Amino acid sequence: MSERKAINKYYPPDYDPSKVSKVKKPTKMKVRLMSPFSMRCSTCDEYISSSRKFNATKDSTGDSYMGVKIYRFTLLCPMCNAKIVFRTDPQNSGFELESGAIRNFQKKIKPSVIETTEQTLERLLKESKEDNKYKELQQSRKKDPFAKNQIEDNLELKLQEQQRQNEINDQLEYLKAKNERIQNLNSSEIKINNKEDELINAFNKFQKERSNNPEPKVRVSKIKVEKKMKLTKPSKSHKASTSEAITEKNSTKTNLPTKKTTEKKSKIEIKQGLDLGYSSESD
C-alpha cells in the first residue's frame, strides 16, 4: 500500500525538461446563456425561440476585431441533442451562426465600404467645419443674450419651408390621383360606346332580317269569335224570360196591402188636395 501512495517519480539520467513540449489544452467554460435569435435546427427541424435559456460552452477563437475578442458558443438542440454553433460579431454588433441551425429572420447588413484617402480627408474637413460652427454658436450665446432669438427665427423659417414642401407634395399627389381617375373614366366611356355600337349594329341586322323574311299575320276567323260570343253573352229569349219573371215578382209585391203603401197613398192624396186648393185660390 505504501508504494501505491508514493509521490516520488523516477527521472532517468538523460532527462532534459527543456525538450519536453508543453501543449496548452483549449480552455472551455460552461456558461448559462439565452439564444440571441430565433432559429430552426437543421437535423430535426425544431424551432427555437429567441431568449430561450441553454447550458453552453464558451471558447475563444483567437480572432479579434478592433481589439475586441471573438468568442464561440456551442449548445445542444433540446429535441435531438445536435450541436448548434454560433459566434459573436462585433463588427455588426450581433451574432453569427456557424453550423447546426438556420435563422428564421436575418437583418439586411450594409456592405462595409473601404474609404480612400481622399474620402477620409473630405469627411474630416466636413466634421471640422461643423465643429467650428458649433463652437462659434456657443461663444455667441455667451456674449449676446439675443442670439437665442436668432436661432429661433431660423428654426421658424425652416419649419415654414418644410410646410410649403409638404403642401406641394400633397398637391402633386392629388393631381396624380385625379389624372388616374380621368384615365379610368375615359377607358370606361370607350367601353360603353363600343357596347352601344354593338347593340345598334345587332338591332339593324335584326330589322333587315325581319324585312327580308316578314312574319305571317294571324287572322282570327269570324266563326270562332261568334262561338265565343254565344258562350259568353246570354240570348234575347233568355233575357225576355228573366225580365218577365222580375216584373211579375214586383207586381205581386206591389198588389199586397202593407202599411207603407197605405201611408204613401194617403200622403199623395193630401198633397194633391193641397195643390188643388192653392190653384183655386189663385184663380
Protein backbone atom coordinates (compact mmCIF):
# COMPACT_ATOMS: atom_id res chain seq x y z
CA MET A 1 0.00 0.00 0.00
CA SER A 2 2.82 2.40 0.74
CA GLU A 3 4.29 2.00 -2.77
CA ARG A 4 0.99 2.89 -4.39
CA LYS A 5 0.75 6.13 -2.47
CA ALA A 6 4.32 7.21 -3.22
CA ILE A 7 4.69 10.77 -4.58
CA ASN A 8 8.26 10.43 -5.86
CA LYS A 9 8.74 9.67 -9.57
CA TYR A 10 11.64 8.19 -11.48
CA TYR A 11 13.64 10.55 -13.67
CA PRO A 12 16.23 8.96 -15.96
CA PRO A 13 19.76 10.42 -16.15
CA ASP A 14 19.17 11.61 -19.75
CA TYR A 15 16.03 13.60 -18.83
CA ASP A 16 16.01 17.19 -20.16
CA PRO A 17 12.91 19.20 -19.16
CA SER A 18 13.59 21.87 -21.82
CA LYS A 19 12.94 19.33 -24.57
CA VAL A 20 9.51 18.39 -23.25
CA SER A 21 6.75 20.16 -25.24
CA LYS A 22 4.04 21.65 -23.08
CA VAL A 23 0.75 21.70 -25.04
CA LYS A 24 -1.89 24.01 -23.69
CA LYS A 25 -5.34 22.48 -23.85
CA PRO A 26 -8.12 24.76 -25.10
CA THR A 27 -9.91 26.13 -22.11
CA LYS A 28 -13.66 25.66 -22.29
CA MET A 29 -16.03 27.42 -19.96
CA LYS A 30 -19.53 26.29 -19.11
CA VAL A 31 -21.92 29.18 -19.48
CA ARG A 32 -25.66 29.71 -18.94
CA LEU A 33 -26.96 31.88 -21.80
CA MET A 34 -30.09 32.77 -23.77
CA SER A 35 -30.47 32.25 -27.51
CA PRO A 36 -29.82 35.63 -29.18
CA PHE A 37 -32.21 34.99 -32.11
CA SER A 38 -34.92 32.58 -33.26
CA MET A 39 -33.64 29.63 -35.28
CA ARG A 40 -34.54 26.18 -36.63
CA CYS A 41 -32.50 23.04 -36.11
CA SER A 42 -31.15 21.64 -39.40
CA THR A 43 -31.40 17.98 -38.28
CA CYS A 44 -34.85 17.68 -36.62
CA ASP A 45 -36.48 20.99 -37.77
CA GLU A 46 -37.19 22.02 -34.17
CA TYR A 47 -37.96 25.72 -33.77
CA ILE A 48 -36.01 27.51 -31.04
CA SER A 49 -37.35 30.88 -29.99
CA SER A 50 -35.19 33.80 -29.01
CA SER A 51 -34.30 34.39 -25.34
CA ARG A 52 -34.56 30.67 -24.51
CA LYS A 53 -32.11 29.52 -21.81
CA PHE A 54 -29.41 26.92 -22.52
CA ASN A 55 -26.29 25.44 -20.95
CA ALA A 56 -23.48 26.13 -23.43
CA THR A 57 -19.70 26.11 -23.70
CA LYS A 58 -17.66 29.21 -24.43
CA ASP A 59 -14.44 29.11 -26.48
CA SER A 60 -12.07 31.79 -27.69
CA THR A 61 -11.47 31.69 -31.44
CA GLY A 62 -8.28 33.72 -31.23
CA ASP A 63 -9.60 36.34 -33.65
CA SER A 64 -10.42 39.92 -32.79
CA TYR A 65 -11.97 42.99 -34.37
CA MET A 66 -10.65 46.43 -33.39
CA GLY A 67 -9.21 44.93 -30.21
CA VAL A 68 -12.46 43.11 -29.30
CA LYS A 69 -12.12 39.32 -28.94
CA ILE A 70 -14.45 36.98 -30.81
CA TYR A 71 -15.95 34.06 -28.86
CA ARG A 72 -17.66 30.88 -29.99
CA PHE A 73 -20.64 29.27 -28.22
CA THR A 74 -21.87 25.70 -28.65
CA LEU A 75 -25.20 24.43 -27.35
CA LEU A 76 -27.39 21.34 -27.85
CA CYS A 77 -30.75 21.13 -29.53
CA PRO A 78 -33.47 20.37 -26.93
CA MET A 79 -35.09 17.81 -29.29
CA CYS A 80 -32.27 15.82 -30.91
CA ASN A 81 -29.15 16.94 -28.93
CA ALA A 82 -27.42 18.11 -32.11
CA LYS A 83 -24.70 20.74 -31.78
CA ILE A 84 -25.52 24.32 -32.70
CA VAL A 85 -22.57 26.69 -33.00
CA PHE A 86 -22.58 30.48 -33.25
CA ARG A 87 -20.10 33.22 -32.50
CA THR A 88 -20.01 36.90 -31.70
CA ASP A 89 -19.91 39.51 -34.47
CA PRO A 90 -18.62 42.80 -33.01
CA GLN A 91 -18.45 44.42 -36.44
CA ASN A 92 -22.24 44.31 -36.82
CA SER A 93 -22.93 44.27 -33.06
CA GLY A 94 -24.66 40.87 -33.12
CA PHE A 95 -24.14 37.12 -33.51
CA GLU A 96 -23.37 34.90 -36.49
CA LEU A 97 -24.43 31.27 -36.97
CA GLU A 98 -21.74 28.81 -38.00
CA SER A 99 -23.42 25.39 -38.11
CA GLY A 100 -26.26 23.25 -36.81
CA ALA A 101 -29.21 25.61 -37.39
CA ILE A 102 -30.82 28.17 -39.70
CA ARG A 103 -32.01 31.62 -38.69
CA ASN A 104 -35.71 32.37 -39.12
CA PHE A 105 -35.15 36.05 -39.77
CA GLN A 106 -31.97 37.88 -40.70
CA LYS A 107 -31.50 41.60 -40.94
CA LYS A 108 -30.02 43.15 -44.04
CA ILE A 109 -26.45 44.21 -43.36
CA LYS A 110 -25.00 47.04 -45.37
CA PRO A 111 -21.73 46.06 -47.04
CA SER A 112 -18.73 47.70 -45.47
CA VAL A 113 -17.21 50.29 -47.79
CA ILE A 114 -13.48 50.92 -47.60
CA GLU A 115 -12.75 54.64 -47.74
CA THR A 116 -9.97 56.03 -49.81
CA THR A 117 -7.57 58.71 -48.58
CA GLU A 118 -9.47 61.46 -50.47
CA GLN A 119 -12.79 60.42 -48.98
CA THR A 120 -11.39 60.36 -45.47
CA LEU A 121 -9.91 63.84 -45.96
CA GLU A 122 -13.24 65.22 -47.19
CA ARG A 123 -15.09 63.65 -44.28
CA LEU A 124 -12.62 65.06 -41.77
CA LEU A 125 -12.90 68.54 -43.33
CA LYS A 126 -16.70 68.48 -43.03
CA GLU A 127 -16.53 67.35 -39.44
CA SER A 128 -14.03 70.09 -38.59
CA LYS A 129 -16.27 72.76 -40.21
CA GLU A 130 -19.28 71.56 -38.26
CA ASP A 131 -17.27 71.62 -35.02
CA ASN A 132 -16.09 75.16 -35.68
CA LYS A 133 -19.68 76.33 -36.35
CA TYR A 134 -20.87 74.74 -33.14
CA LYS A 135 -18.11 76.41 -31.14
CA GLU A 136 -18.88 79.81 -32.68
CA LEU A 137 -22.56 79.41 -31.74
CA GLN A 138 -21.64 78.59 -28.17
CA GLN A 139 -19.43 81.69 -27.91
CA SER A 140 -22.10 83.94 -29.46
CA ARG A 141 -24.68 82.65 -26.97
CA LYS A 142 -22.41 83.53 -24.10
CA LYS A 143 -21.72 87.05 -25.41
CA ASP A 144 -25.07 88.01 -26.98
CA PRO A 145 -28.21 87.25 -24.94
CA PHE A 146 -30.37 87.76 -28.12
CA ALA A 147 -28.60 85.01 -30.06
CA LYS A 148 -31.24 82.54 -28.95
CA ASN A 149 -33.92 84.61 -30.68
CA GLN A 150 -31.95 84.47 -33.93
CA ILE A 151 -31.75 80.71 -33.67
CA GLU A 152 -35.48 80.51 -33.05
CA ASP A 153 -36.14 82.68 -36.11
CA ASN A 154 -34.02 80.37 -38.25
CA LEU A 155 -35.95 77.38 -36.92
CA GLU A 156 -39.26 79.05 -37.77
CA LEU A 157 -38.09 79.70 -41.32
CA LYS A 158 -37.07 76.07 -41.68
CA LEU A 159 -40.44 74.91 -40.40
CA GLN A 160 -42.24 77.18 -42.87
CA GLU A 161 -40.18 75.78 -45.73
CA GLN A 162 -40.98 72.25 -44.64
CA GLN A 163 -44.70 73.07 -44.50
CA ARG A 164 -44.57 74.53 -48.03
CA GLN A 165 -42.82 71.44 -49.34
CA ASN A 166 -45.42 69.22 -47.69
CA GLU A 167 -48.25 71.23 -49.26
CA ILE A 168 -46.62 70.99 -52.69
CA ASN A 169 -46.21 67.24 -52.30
CA ASP A 170 -49.88 66.90 -51.29
CA GLN A 171 -50.98 68.88 -54.35
CA LEU A 172 -48.85 66.72 -56.63
CA GLU A 173 -50.34 63.54 -55.17
CA TYR A 174 -53.86 64.95 -55.64
CA LEU A 175 -53.15 65.79 -59.28
CA LYS A 176 -51.72 62.33 -59.92
CA ALA A 177 -54.79 60.68 -58.42
CA LYS A 178 -57.05 62.95 -60.48
CA ASN A 179 -55.25 62.06 -63.71
CA GLU A 180 -55.57 58.36 -62.91
CA ARG A 181 -59.31 58.76 -62.30
CA ILE A 182 -59.74 60.63 -65.62
CA GLN A 183 -57.89 57.90 -67.48
CA ASN A 184 -60.06 55.23 -65.88
CA LEU A 185 -63.22 57.17 -66.78
CA ASN A 186 -62.10 57.58 -70.38
CA SER A 187 -61.44 53.87 -70.67
CA SER A 188 -64.87 53.06 -69.20
CA GLU A 189 -66.58 55.54 -71.60
CA ILE A 190 -64.83 53.93 -74.56
CA LYS A 191 -66.06 50.51 -73.44
CA ILE A 192 -69.64 51.82 -73.08
CA ASN A 193 -69.54 53.41 -76.55
CA ASN A 194 -68.28 50.17 -78.05
CA LYS A 195 -71.13 48.26 -76.39
CA GLU A 196 -73.69 50.80 -77.70
CA ASP A 197 -72.32 50.42 -81.22
CA GLU A 198 -72.55 46.65 -80.96
CA LEU A 199 -76.18 46.87 -79.81
CA ILE A 200 -77.10 49.26 -82.65
CA ASN A 201 -75.49 47.00 -85.23
CA ALA A 202 -77.32 43.98 -83.84
CA PHE A 203 -80.65 45.86 -83.95
CA ASN A 204 -80.06 46.93 -87.56
CA LYS A 205 -79.29 43.35 -88.56
CA PHE A 206 -82.47 42.17 -86.86
CA GLN A 207 -84.54 44.76 -88.77
CA LYS A 208 -83.00 43.73 -92.12
CA GLU A 209 -83.68 40.08 -91.45
CA ARG A 210 -87.29 40.89 -90.48
CA SER A 211 -87.82 42.96 -93.64
CA ASN A 212 -86.45 40.14 -95.80
CA ASN A 213 -88.48 37.43 -94.02
CA PRO A 214 -91.79 39.00 -92.80
CA GLU A 215 -93.71 37.04 -90.20
CA PRO A 216 -97.19 35.62 -91.25
CA LYS A 217 -100.08 37.63 -89.84
CA VAL A 218 -102.53 35.70 -87.71
CA ARG A 219 -106.20 36.16 -88.73
CA VAL A 220 -108.99 35.11 -86.42
CA SER A 221 -112.00 33.66 -88.16
CA LYS A 222 -115.44 35.15 -87.53
CA ILE A 223 -116.93 31.77 -86.76
CA LYS A 224 -114.69 31.26 -83.74
CA VAL A 225 -115.49 34.74 -82.48
CA GLU A 226 -119.24 34.15 -82.80
CA LYS A 227 -118.97 30.89 -80.91
CA LYS A 228 -117.14 32.63 -78.12
CA MET A 229 -119.75 35.40 -78.00
CA LYS A 230 -122.53 32.80 -77.74
CA LEU A 231 -120.83 31.13 -74.86
CA THR A 232 -120.17 34.36 -73.01
CA LYS A 233 -123.24 36.60 -73.83
CA PRO A 234 -126.86 35.46 -72.98
CA SER A 235 -129.52 35.21 -75.77
CA LYS A 236 -132.51 37.62 -76.25
CA SER A 237 -135.16 34.97 -75.36
CA HIS A 238 -133.36 34.27 -72.14
CA LYS A 239 -133.28 38.00 -71.38
CA ALA A 240 -137.02 38.34 -72.07
CA SER A 241 -137.97 35.42 -69.82
CA THR A 242 -135.85 36.77 -66.98
CA SER A 243 -137.32 40.30 -67.33
CA GLU A 244 -140.93 38.96 -67.28
CA ALA A 245 -140.25 36.92 -64.13
CA ILE A 246 -138.84 40.03 -62.41
CA THR A 247 -141.85 42.18 -63.35
CA GLU A 248 -144.28 39.53 -62.05
CA LYS A 249 -142.47 39.46 -58.71
CA ASN A 250 -142.59 43.24 -58.45
CA SER A 251 -146.29 43.31 -59.32
CA THR A 252 -147.11 40.73 -56.65
CA LYS A 253 -145.18 42.77 -54.15
CA THR A 254 -146.99 45.97 -55.10
CA ASN A 255 -150.50 44.41 -55.03
CA LEU A 256 -150.10 43.23 -51.44
CA PRO A 257 -151.59 45.72 -48.94
CA THR A 258 -148.96 46.96 -46.50
CA LYS A 259 -148.66 49.79 -44.02
CA LYS A 260 -146.06 51.59 -46.07
CA THR A 261 -148.15 51.56 -49.25
CA THR A 262 -151.26 52.88 -47.42
CA GLU A 263 -149.27 55.67 -45.77
CA LYS A 264 -147.77 56.69 -49.09
CA LYS A 265 -151.20 56.80 -50.76
CA SER A 266 -152.62 58.98 -48.02
CA LYS A 267 -149.71 61.40 -48.28
CA ILE A 268 -150.07 61.63 -52.04
CA GLU A 269 -153.85 62.37 -51.78
CA ILE A 270 -153.23 65.12 -49.22
CA LYS A 271 -150.63 66.73 -51.47
CA GLN A 272 -152.97 66.59 -54.45
CA GLY A 273 -155.73 68.24 -52.40
CA LEU A 274 -153.45 70.99 -51.24
CA ASP A 275 -152.27 71.61 -54.73
CA LEU A 276 -155.91 71.94 -55.89
CA GLY A 277 -156.71 74.40 -53.08
CA TYR A 278 -153.78 76.63 -53.93
CA SER A 279 -154.70 76.59 -57.57
CA SER A 280 -158.37 77.51 -56.84
CA GLU A 281 -157.40 80.45 -54.66
CA SER A 282 -155.09 81.77 -57.29
CA ASP A 283 -157.92 81.51 -59.83
